[in-house]
Amino acid sequence: MASIQDYFINDRIGEISPRAVFMSDIVAGLNFESLQRNSIMWTLRNTVRLHSEELGVRIIIVEPNGRVIDDSNRDAADSLVGKTLLHPQVIEALNGGSSTKFYRDDEYVLNIAEPIRDESSGRVGAVLFVDGLEDVFIALAEIRTQLYLYSIVVGLFVMVLIFVMSHMLITPLRQIVRVVQRLAAGQLNMRIPVTSRDEYSILSRTFNDMTEKLEQVEKTREEFVSNVSHELKTPLTAIKVLSESILSQESVPEAVSREFMQDISSEVDRMVTITNDLLALVKVDQREQSLNLASTDINVLVEDILKRLSPIAEQKKVVLLYEQGRTAVTMADEIKLALAISNIVENGIKYTPKGGTVKVIVDCDHQNAFITIQDTGIGIPEEEQDKIFNRFYRVDKTRDRDTGGTGLGLAISRSTILLHNGSIKLTSSPEEGSVFVLRIPLRGATA
């Protein structure tokens, strides 16, 4: 407010000061010695009256001795005409200097005094302009009141805005906290509602994605436990039935006893196979384990695998073909990689009918080695292709059981390829066969 007050007062000073100088020049031109003449006095009084009415100020003309020779309030009771005026601004002006002073003790008054210099006699008089600033301070009071009102309105608005903004910020956080608490309690199906596109929504979507993955991991774990239990329960049940059959008979023919013992041995072998596959899968899943990396010629590795599997292919009367492109050498764990490739090739042989073919192609570019395994087998339905790498998953469980599979081979293969920073892709059509493409980086895996 002080700056606004100064602005108004300085504006009034700027308006009055030039008039005071102008008035002093007019009076100086009239000559104090000739002011006793009626015509000259009439001219002075008329000039004072006009300027006083125009500016709305009181104008007082003072002789060098301090006597007032004219006052714009000459007809009022407080007229100073003929009296001596010893006002501080007048005294300063009589001494030859301009003076401006603002008083605000009893009333708001602005005094501006200018000296009058008589060029002929050198005598100095003064012109005093007295301006009441009540209108200025009334306007300032109104402005002050308006500012207070505006401050109150703005303060209320800011408080409402803060309340609304805090509600908007806290509500999503509370929803997130509630969902996290329920998630910690085991309710993995909980999701955070997403209704906008702000940062909270991004956080909510990310959290929901994480929750879905946790829920999927939990489902996978439950399915895994269930599948392991089922897979081990089947041979255990068979062993129990066979052994009880032998024990329930007092005299069992040697041929029957031998047959039962062979069946028991077969079921034990099946349990051993399942256990070994599970142990292999667990080891592969431990990503932090160290790979025994060594320079590996994938062409030679595949040739050795096909030699080991050729008796199985001959027994099923399936043609096993090998096609070599460019030589592919990389850093890999030869034992684990051989198991991964062998599982896929063996599956191709198992599920390819008599007279069919399984073809393995090895090639590379400047970054990756590619192992393509094609078969003319039964194929895999499109809706099943995303699931075949799941543990214990079977497209046809009965047929898999007949061929002695555990449903873990492809899961082991996929985990091993990923462990080598590679990838595995499948394209297949029912009754037309399947194509697996394994990609292994030539620059090696991270041990």
Protein backbone atom coordinates (compact mmCIF):
# COMPACT_ATOMS: atom_id res chain seq x y z
CA MET A 1 0.00 0.00 0.00
CA ALA A 2 2.87 2.43 0.71
CA SER A 3 4.02 2.19 -2.90
CA ILE A 4 0.50 2.91 -4.15
CA GLN A 5 0.26 5.94 -1.83
CA ASP A 6 3.62 7.23 -3.06
CA TYR A 7 2.45 6.79 -6.63
CA PHE A 8 -0.68 8.93 -6.10
CA ILE A 9 1.19 11.67 -4.17
CA ASN A 10 4.02 11.84 -6.72
CA ASP A 11 1.44 12.04 -9.48
CA ARG A 12 -0.21 15.01 -7.72
CA ILE A 13 3.17 16.68 -7.16
CA GLY A 14 3.97 16.23 -10.84
CA GLU A 15 0.70 17.95 -11.70
CA ILE A 16 1.03 20.90 -9.28
CA SER A 17 4.78 21.67 -9.37
CA PRO A 18 4.84 23.00 -12.97
CA ARG A 19 1.84 25.24 -12.15
CA ALA A 20 3.66 26.60 -9.08
CA VAL A 21 6.70 27.45 -11.20
CA PHE A 22 4.44 29.02 -13.82
CA MET A 23 2.64 31.07 -11.17
CA SER A 24 5.94 32.31 -9.70
CA ASP A 25 7.04 33.46 -13.15
CA ILE A 26 3.76 35.34 -13.66
CA VAL A 27 4.00 37.13 -10.30
CA ALA A 28 7.67 37.96 -10.89
CA GLY A 29 6.67 39.61 -14.13
CA LEU A 30 4.09 41.81 -12.41
CA ASN A 31 6.74 43.39 -10.11
CA PHE A 32 6.03 43.65 -6.38
CA GLU A 33 6.46 47.42 -6.47
CA SER A 34 3.52 47.86 -8.84
CA LEU A 35 1.14 45.50 -7.08
CA GLN A 36 -0.44 48.47 -5.26
CA ARG A 37 -2.08 49.51 -8.50
CA ASN A 38 -5.62 48.23 -8.72
CA SER A 39 -5.35 46.92 -12.27
CA ILE A 40 -2.27 44.88 -11.50
CA MET A 41 -3.76 43.49 -8.29
CA TRP A 42 -6.94 42.58 -10.14
CA THR A 43 -4.87 40.70 -12.71
CA LEU A 44 -2.99 38.80 -9.97
CA ARG A 45 -6.13 37.90 -8.09
CA ASN A 46 -7.87 36.74 -11.27
CA THR A 47 -4.87 34.57 -12.21
CA VAL A 48 -4.75 33.05 -8.70
CA ARG A 49 -8.48 32.35 -8.74
CA LEU A 50 -8.39 30.64 -12.13
CA HIS A 51 -5.48 28.36 -11.22
CA SER A 52 -6.97 27.60 -7.83
CA GLU A 53 -10.30 26.59 -9.31
CA GLU A 54 -8.69 24.57 -12.09
CA LEU A 55 -6.42 22.57 -9.80
CA GLY A 56 -8.69 22.53 -6.74
CA VAL A 57 -5.87 23.86 -4.54
CA ARG A 58 -5.29 26.93 -2.32
CA ILE A 59 -2.77 29.41 -3.69
CA ILE A 60 -1.04 31.98 -1.46
CA ILE A 61 1.26 34.80 -2.67
CA VAL A 62 3.81 36.05 -0.11
CA GLU A 63 6.01 39.16 -0.23
CA PRO A 64 9.72 39.01 0.66
CA ASN A 65 8.93 40.11 4.22
CA GLY A 66 6.45 37.21 4.65
CA ARG A 67 3.25 39.25 4.31
CA VAL A 68 0.50 37.62 2.33
CA ILE A 69 -0.61 39.84 -0.53
CA ASP A 70 -3.12 37.39 -2.02
CA ASP A 71 -4.93 34.22 -1.00
CA SER A 72 -7.32 32.19 -3.15
CA ASN A 73 -9.44 31.94 0.02
CA ARG A 74 -9.48 35.72 0.39
CA ASP A 75 -13.24 35.76 0.98
CA ALA A 76 -13.18 32.97 3.56
CA ALA A 77 -12.89 33.36 7.30
CA ASP A 78 -9.42 31.81 7.31
CA SER A 79 -8.08 34.23 4.70
CA LEU A 80 -4.42 35.12 5.25
CA VAL A 81 -4.36 38.33 3.19
CA GLY A 82 -2.40 41.02 5.03
CA LYS A 83 -1.03 38.55 7.57
CA THR A 84 2.52 37.32 7.94
CA LEU A 85 3.02 33.64 7.03
CA LEU A 86 6.05 31.98 8.52
CA HIS A 87 5.45 28.49 7.08
CA PRO A 88 8.54 26.24 6.73
CA GLN A 89 8.05 25.83 3.00
CA VAL A 90 7.46 29.58 2.59
CA ILE A 91 10.62 30.44 4.52
CA GLU A 92 12.63 28.03 2.38
CA ALA A 93 11.16 29.53 -0.80
CA LEU A 94 11.88 33.11 0.45
CA ASN A 95 15.48 32.00 0.84
CA GLY A 96 15.49 31.12 -2.86
CA GLY A 97 14.78 27.39 -2.91
CA SER A 98 11.87 25.22 -3.99
CA SER A 99 10.16 23.20 -1.27
CA THR A 100 7.68 20.31 -1.26
CA LYS A 101 6.30 18.74 1.89
CA PHE A 102 3.53 16.23 2.65
CA TYR A 103 1.91 16.44 6.10
CA ARG A 104 -0.29 13.71 7.54
CA ASP A 105 -0.55 14.50 11.29
CA ASP A 106 -4.06 15.92 11.57
CA GLU A 107 -5.02 16.00 7.91
CA TYR A 108 -3.43 14.97 4.67
CA VAL A 109 -1.95 18.16 3.13
CA LEU A 110 0.57 18.68 0.34
CA ASN A 111 2.52 22.00 0.38
CA ILE A 112 4.52 23.10 -2.65
CA ALA A 113 6.37 26.45 -2.50
CA GLU A 114 8.29 28.18 -5.30
CA PRO A 115 10.41 31.34 -4.96
CA ILE A 116 9.49 34.57 -6.78
CA ARG A 117 12.55 36.52 -7.96
CA ASP A 118 12.19 40.15 -8.96
CA GLU A 119 14.81 40.66 -11.65
CA SER A 120 14.95 44.43 -11.12
CA SER A 121 15.15 44.64 -7.35
CA GLY A 122 16.39 41.15 -6.60
CA ARG A 123 13.80 40.79 -3.92
CA VAL A 124 12.36 37.28 -3.40
CA GLY A 125 8.77 36.40 -2.66
CA ALA A 126 7.03 33.00 -2.63
CA VAL A 127 4.07 31.18 -4.13
CA LEU A 128 2.55 28.49 -1.88
CA PHE A 129 0.22 25.82 -3.24
CA VAL A 130 -1.76 23.96 -0.54
CA ASP A 131 -3.56 20.81 -1.67
CA GLY A 132 -5.77 18.63 0.52
CA LEU A 133 -5.38 14.94 -0.36
CA GLU A 134 -8.54 13.61 1.23
CA ASP A 135 -9.75 12.25 -2.13
CA VAL A 136 -6.49 10.40 -2.61
CA PHE A 137 -6.68 8.69 0.76
CA ILE A 138 -10.36 7.92 0.35
CA ALA A 139 -9.43 6.15 -2.89
CA LEU A 140 -6.56 4.39 -1.08
CA ALA A 141 -8.94 3.25 1.66
CA GLU A 142 -11.28 1.81 -0.97
CA ILE A 143 -8.38 0.06 -2.66
CA ARG A 144 -7.23 -1.29 0.70
CA THR A 145 -10.72 -2.63 1.41
CA GLN A 146 -10.90 -4.25 -2.00
CA LEU A 147 -7.47 -5.81 -1.51
CA TYR A 148 -8.59 -7.25 1.83
CA LEU A 149 -11.69 -8.68 0.18
CA TYR A 150 -9.65 -10.05 -2.69
CA SER A 151 -7.18 -11.54 -0.20
CA ILE A 152 -10.00 -13.27 1.64
CA VAL A 153 -11.51 -14.58 -1.61
CA VAL A 154 -8.13 -15.72 -2.91
CA GLY A 155 -7.32 -17.32 0.44
CA LEU A 156 -10.60 -19.24 0.44
CA PHE A 157 -10.04 -20.27 -3.16
CA VAL A 158 -6.51 -21.48 -2.38
CA MET A 159 -7.79 -23.45 0.62
CA VAL A 160 -10.48 -25.10 -1.50
CA LEU A 161 -7.94 -25.79 -4.25
CA ILE A 162 -5.50 -27.33 -1.75
CA PHE A 163 -8.27 -29.49 -0.32
CA VAL A 164 -9.37 -30.67 -3.78
CA MET A 165 -5.79 -31.29 -4.92
CA SER A 166 -4.89 -33.14 -1.73
CA HIS A 167 -8.02 -35.26 -2.14
CA MET A 168 -7.06 -36.00 -5.75
CA LEU A 169 -3.52 -36.92 -4.69
CA ILE A 170 -4.35 -38.90 -1.57
CA THR A 171 -7.32 -40.92 -2.88
CA PRO A 172 -5.28 -42.89 -5.49
CA LEU A 173 -2.55 -43.47 -2.91
CA ARG A 174 -5.09 -44.85 -0.47
CA GLN A 175 -6.42 -47.19 -3.15
CA ILE A 176 -2.90 -48.38 -3.91
CA VAL A 177 -2.16 -48.91 -0.18
CA ARG A 178 -5.39 -50.91 0.29
CA VAL A 179 -4.60 -53.15 -2.67
CA VAL A 180 -0.98 -53.63 -1.51
CA GLN A 181 -2.20 -54.60 1.96
CA ARG A 182 -4.60 -57.16 0.51
CA LEU A 183 -1.89 -58.42 -1.81
CA ALA A 184 0.42 -58.84 1.18
CA ALA A 185 -2.37 -60.84 2.83
CA GLY A 186 -2.35 -63.23 -0.13
CA GLN A 187 -5.23 -61.88 -2.25
CA LEU A 188 -3.34 -61.95 -5.55
CA ASN A 189 -6.51 -61.30 -7.56
CA MET A 190 -6.72 -57.69 -6.37
CA ARG A 191 -6.27 -54.91 -8.97
CA ILE A 192 -6.06 -51.12 -8.76
CA PRO A 193 -8.80 -49.31 -10.73
CA VAL A 194 -7.35 -47.25 -13.60
CA THR A 195 -9.55 -44.33 -14.66
CA SER A 196 -7.15 -41.70 -16.03
CA ARG A 197 -3.77 -41.27 -17.75
CA ASP A 198 -1.72 -39.50 -15.09
CA GLU A 199 1.35 -40.74 -13.22
CA TYR A 200 -0.82 -42.61 -10.71
CA SER A 201 -2.43 -44.49 -13.60
CA ILE A 202 0.99 -45.46 -14.95
CA LEU A 203 1.95 -46.68 -11.46
CA SER A 204 -1.37 -48.54 -11.14
CA ARG A 205 -0.97 -50.25 -14.52
CA THR A 206 2.59 -51.25 -13.67
CA PHE A 207 1.45 -52.57 -10.30
CA ASN A 208 -1.44 -54.49 -11.92
CA ASP A 209 0.98 -56.04 -14.42
CA MET A 210 3.25 -57.08 -11.57
CA THR A 211 0.28 -58.51 -9.66
CA GLU A 212 -0.84 -60.48 -12.71
CA LYS A 213 2.64 -61.92 -13.04
CA LEU A 214 2.70 -62.81 -9.34
CA GLU A 215 -0.70 -64.45 -9.72
CA GLN A 216 0.53 -66.37 -12.75
CA VAL A 217 3.65 -67.46 -10.85
CA GLU A 218 1.46 -68.66 -7.98
CA LYS A 219 -0.80 -70.56 -10.40
CA THR A 220 2.26 -72.06 -12.06
CA ARG A 221 3.62 -73.09 -8.68
CA GLU A 222 0.32 -74.71 -7.72
CA GLU A 223 0.08 -76.47 -11.07
CA PHE A 224 3.68 -77.59 -10.76
CA VAL A 225 3.11 -79.10 -7.31
CA SER A 226 -0.09 -80.71 -8.53
CA ASN A 227 1.58 -82.12 -11.65
CA VAL A 228 4.59 -83.42 -9.73
CA SER A 229 2.27 -85.08 -7.24
CA HIS A 230 0.23 -86.60 -10.05
CA GLU A 231 3.25 -87.77 -12.00
CA LEU A 232 4.82 -89.43 -8.96
CA LYS A 233 1.51 -90.79 -7.69
CA THR A 234 0.88 -92.81 -10.87
CA PRO A 235 4.03 -95.00 -10.69
CA LEU A 236 3.77 -95.24 -6.90
CA THR A 237 0.19 -96.49 -7.20
CA ALA A 238 1.27 -99.02 -9.83
CA ILE A 239 4.14 -100.23 -7.65
CA LYS A 240 1.82 -100.56 -4.65
CA VAL A 241 -0.77 -102.53 -6.65
CA LEU A 242 1.85 -104.85 -8.16
CA SER A 243 3.61 -105.47 -4.86
CA GLU A 244 0.31 -106.12 -3.02
CA SER A 245 -0.68 -108.55 -5.77
CA ILE A 246 2.49 -110.52 -5.19
CA LEU A 247 2.19 -110.41 -1.41
CA SER A 248 -1.48 -111.42 -1.42
CA GLN A 249 -0.68 -114.75 -3.08
CA GLU A 250 0.98 -117.52 -1.14
CA SER A 251 2.47 -119.19 -4.16
CA VAL A 252 3.19 -117.01 -7.16
CA PRO A 253 4.45 -118.60 -10.35
CA GLU A 254 7.95 -117.53 -11.23
CA ALA A 255 6.86 -116.20 -14.63
CA VAL A 256 4.13 -114.02 -13.06
CA SER A 257 6.48 -112.87 -10.31
CA ARG A 258 9.13 -111.94 -12.90
CA GLU A 259 6.53 -110.05 -14.98
CA PHE A 260 5.33 -108.12 -11.94
CA MET A 261 8.91 -107.32 -10.91
CA GLN A 262 9.66 -106.05 -14.45
CA ASP A 263 6.60 -103.80 -14.25
CA ILE A 264 7.72 -102.52 -10.85
CA SER A 265 11.20 -101.88 -12.24
CA SER A 266 9.66 -100.01 -15.18
CA GLU A 267 7.66 -97.78 -12.85
CA VAL A 268 10.76 -97.14 -10.73
CA ASP A 269 12.64 -96.17 -13.89
CA ARG A 270 9.82 -93.78 -14.72
CA MET A 271 10.09 -92.20 -11.27
CA VAL A 272 13.85 -91.85 -11.69
CA THR A 273 13.34 -90.19 -15.09
CA ILE A 274 10.83 -87.73 -13.63
CA THR A 275 13.13 -86.96 -10.70
CA ASN A 276 16.15 -86.43 -12.96
CA ASP A 277 14.17 -84.14 -15.25
CA LEU A 278 12.94 -82.15 -12.26
CA LEU A 279 16.47 -81.79 -10.93
CA ALA A 280 17.70 -80.72 -14.37
CA LEU A 281 14.90 -78.17 -14.64
CA VAL A 282 15.61 -76.76 -11.19
CA LYS A 283 19.29 -76.37 -12.02
CA VAL A 284 18.51 -74.63 -15.30
CA ASP A 285 16.02 -72.29 -13.59
CA GLN A 286 18.72 -71.10 -11.23
CA ARG A 287 19.85 -68.24 -13.45
CA GLU A 288 22.57 -67.22 -11.05
CA GLN A 289 24.37 -70.54 -11.54
CA SER A 290 27.61 -70.48 -13.50
CA LEU A 291 27.65 -71.92 -16.99
CA ASN A 292 30.62 -74.03 -17.95
CA LEU A 293 31.31 -71.96 -21.04
CA ALA A 294 33.66 -73.23 -23.65
CA SER A 295 34.15 -72.78 -27.36
CA THR A 296 31.51 -75.03 -28.93
CA ASP A 297 31.14 -76.00 -32.58
CA ILE A 298 27.37 -76.29 -32.90
CA ASN A 299 27.65 -78.23 -36.16
CA VAL A 300 29.71 -80.95 -34.46
CA LEU A 301 27.43 -80.89 -31.42
CA VAL A 302 24.32 -81.49 -33.54
CA GLU A 303 26.00 -84.26 -35.51
CA ASP A 304 26.83 -86.08 -32.25
CA ILE A 305 23.24 -85.69 -31.03
CA LEU A 306 21.83 -87.13 -34.26
CA LYS A 307 24.19 -90.09 -34.06
CA ARG A 308 22.93 -90.91 -30.55
CA LEU A 309 19.28 -90.58 -31.60
CA SER A 310 19.56 -92.41 -34.91
CA PRO A 311 18.79 -95.85 -33.33
CA ILE A 312 15.47 -94.46 -31.99
CA ALA A 313 14.64 -93.02 -35.42
CA GLU A 314 15.49 -96.33 -37.14
CA GLN A 315 13.34 -98.25 -34.66
CA LYS A 316 10.36 -95.99 -35.49
CA LYS A 317 11.27 -96.02 -39.18
CA VAL A 318 11.60 -92.22 -39.21
CA VAL A 319 14.16 -90.61 -41.54
CA LEU A 320 16.62 -88.40 -39.68
CA LEU A 321 18.22 -85.72 -41.93
CA TYR A 322 20.94 -83.19 -41.28
CA GLU A 323 21.76 -80.08 -43.31
CA GLN A 324 24.79 -77.91 -42.56
CA GLY A 325 25.11 -74.28 -43.61
CA ARG A 326 27.87 -72.03 -42.40
CA THR A 327 30.01 -73.18 -39.49
CA ALA A 328 28.66 -71.85 -36.17
CA VAL A 329 31.06 -71.64 -33.22
CA THR A 330 30.08 -69.93 -29.96
CA MET A 331 30.73 -69.93 -26.23
CA ALA A 332 28.25 -72.31 -24.59
CA ASP A 333 27.75 -74.96 -21.94
CA GLU A 334 28.01 -77.96 -24.23
CA ILE A 335 26.29 -80.46 -21.89
CA LYS A 336 23.26 -78.27 -21.16
CA LEU A 337 22.91 -77.11 -24.76
CA ALA A 338 23.14 -80.68 -26.05
CA LEU A 339 20.33 -81.73 -23.66
CA ALA A 340 18.12 -78.87 -24.89
CA ILE A 341 18.61 -79.71 -28.57
CA SER A 342 18.31 -83.46 -27.93
CA ASN A 343 14.94 -83.04 -26.16
CA ILE A 344 13.40 -81.24 -29.14
CA VAL A 345 14.82 -83.65 -31.74
CA GLU A 346 13.70 -86.67 -29.69
CA ASN A 347 10.19 -85.22 -29.38
CA GLY A 348 10.11 -84.81 -33.17
CA ILE A 349 11.01 -88.47 -33.61
CA LYS A 350 8.46 -89.65 -31.04
CA TYR A 351 5.54 -87.77 -32.57
CA THR A 352 6.37 -88.35 -36.22
CA PRO A 353 4.52 -91.35 -37.78
CA LYS A 354 6.27 -94.20 -39.54
CA GLY A 355 7.83 -93.09 -42.81
CA GLY A 356 8.02 -89.44 -41.75
CA THR A 357 11.12 -87.28 -41.54
CA VAL A 358 12.88 -85.13 -38.94
CA LYS A 359 15.30 -82.60 -40.42
CA VAL A 360 17.85 -80.54 -38.51
CA ILE A 361 19.47 -77.49 -40.14
CA VAL A 362 22.39 -75.54 -38.65
CA ASP A 363 23.29 -72.11 -40.04
CA CYS A 364 24.39 -68.70 -38.79
CA ASP A 365 24.80 -65.04 -39.65
CA HIS A 366 27.34 -62.59 -38.23
CA GLN A 367 25.55 -62.43 -34.86
CA ASN A 368 23.60 -65.63 -34.18
CA ALA A 369 23.58 -69.34 -34.80
CA PHE A 370 20.25 -70.87 -35.86
CA ILE A 371 19.24 -74.50 -35.27
CA THR A 372 16.05 -75.41 -37.15
CA ILE A 373 14.29 -78.69 -36.28
CA GLN A 374 11.52 -79.69 -38.71
CA ASP A 375 9.32 -82.76 -38.45
CA THR A 376 6.37 -84.18 -40.37
CA GLY A 377 4.63 -85.31 -37.21
CA ILE A 378 1.19 -84.84 -35.72
CA GLY A 379 1.64 -81.09 -35.27
CA ILE A 380 0.40 -78.87 -32.46
CA PRO A 381 -2.90 -76.91 -32.50
CA GLU A 382 -2.46 -73.14 -32.52
CA GLU A 383 -4.24 -72.66 -29.19
CA GLU A 384 -1.80 -75.11 -27.55
CA GLN A 385 1.43 -73.65 -28.91
CA ASP A 386 1.89 -71.05 -26.14
CA LYS A 387 1.51 -73.75 -23.48
CA ILE A 388 3.79 -76.52 -24.63
CA PHE A 389 6.81 -75.04 -22.85
CA ASN A 390 4.96 -75.19 -19.52
CA ARG A 391 6.08 -77.87 -17.13
CA PHE A 392 4.17 -81.16 -17.35
CA TYR A 393 1.95 -79.74 -20.08
CA ARG A 394 0.82 -82.32 -22.67
CA VAL A 395 -1.24 -81.81 -25.78
CA ASP A 396 -2.30 -85.48 -25.54
CA LYS A 397 -1.42 -86.86 -22.13
CA THR A 398 -2.28 -90.45 -22.98
CA ARG A 399 -0.06 -90.49 -26.02
CA ASP A 400 2.76 -88.80 -24.12
CA ARG A 401 2.50 -91.42 -21.42
CA ASP A 402 2.69 -94.18 -24.02
CA THR A 403 5.91 -92.73 -25.36
CA GLY A 404 7.36 -92.37 -21.88
CA GLY A 405 7.49 -88.53 -21.77
CA THR A 406 7.29 -86.56 -18.53
CA GLY A 407 6.17 -83.26 -20.00
CA LEU A 408 9.38 -81.55 -18.82
CA GLY A 409 11.61 -81.87 -21.89
CA LEU A 410 10.49 -78.71 -23.71
CA ALA A 411 10.48 -76.71 -20.46
CA ILE A 412 14.10 -77.75 -19.89
CA SER A 413 15.02 -76.87 -23.47
CA ARG A 414 13.44 -73.43 -23.31
CA SER A 415 15.07 -72.58 -19.95
CA THR A 416 18.46 -73.70 -21.25
CA ILE A 417 18.21 -71.59 -24.42
CA LEU A 418 17.16 -68.54 -22.38
CA LEU A 419 20.09 -69.19 -20.03
CA HIS A 420 22.35 -68.82 -23.07
CA ASN A 421 20.66 -65.47 -23.93
CA GLY A 422 18.98 -67.10 -26.90
CA SER A 423 15.39 -67.68 -27.96
CA ILE A 424 13.16 -70.46 -29.21
CA LYS A 425 10.23 -70.11 -31.63
CA LEU A 426 7.61 -72.58 -32.80
CA THR A 427 5.40 -72.77 -35.88
CA SER A 428 3.12 -75.78 -36.28
CA SER A 429 -0.06 -77.04 -37.91
CA PRO A 430 -2.00 -80.19 -36.97
CA GLU A 431 -1.16 -83.18 -39.15
CA GLU A 432 1.49 -81.13 -41.01
CA GLY A 433 4.33 -81.12 -38.51
CA SER A 434 6.22 -78.60 -36.41
CA VAL A 435 9.21 -76.31 -36.85
CA PHE A 436 11.36 -75.23 -33.88
CA VAL A 437 13.93 -72.48 -34.46
CA LEU A 438 16.62 -72.09 -31.79
CA ARG A 439 18.72 -68.89 -31.80
CA ILE A 440 22.07 -68.85 -29.96
CA PRO A 441 24.19 -65.66 -29.89
CA LEU A 442 27.63 -66.23 -31.42
CA ARG A 443 29.19 -63.81 -28.95
CA GLY A 444 28.43 -66.17 -26.11
CA ALA A 445 26.25 -66.23 -23.00
CA THR A 446 26.77 -64.43 -19.73
CA ALA A 447 28.14 -66.82 -17.18
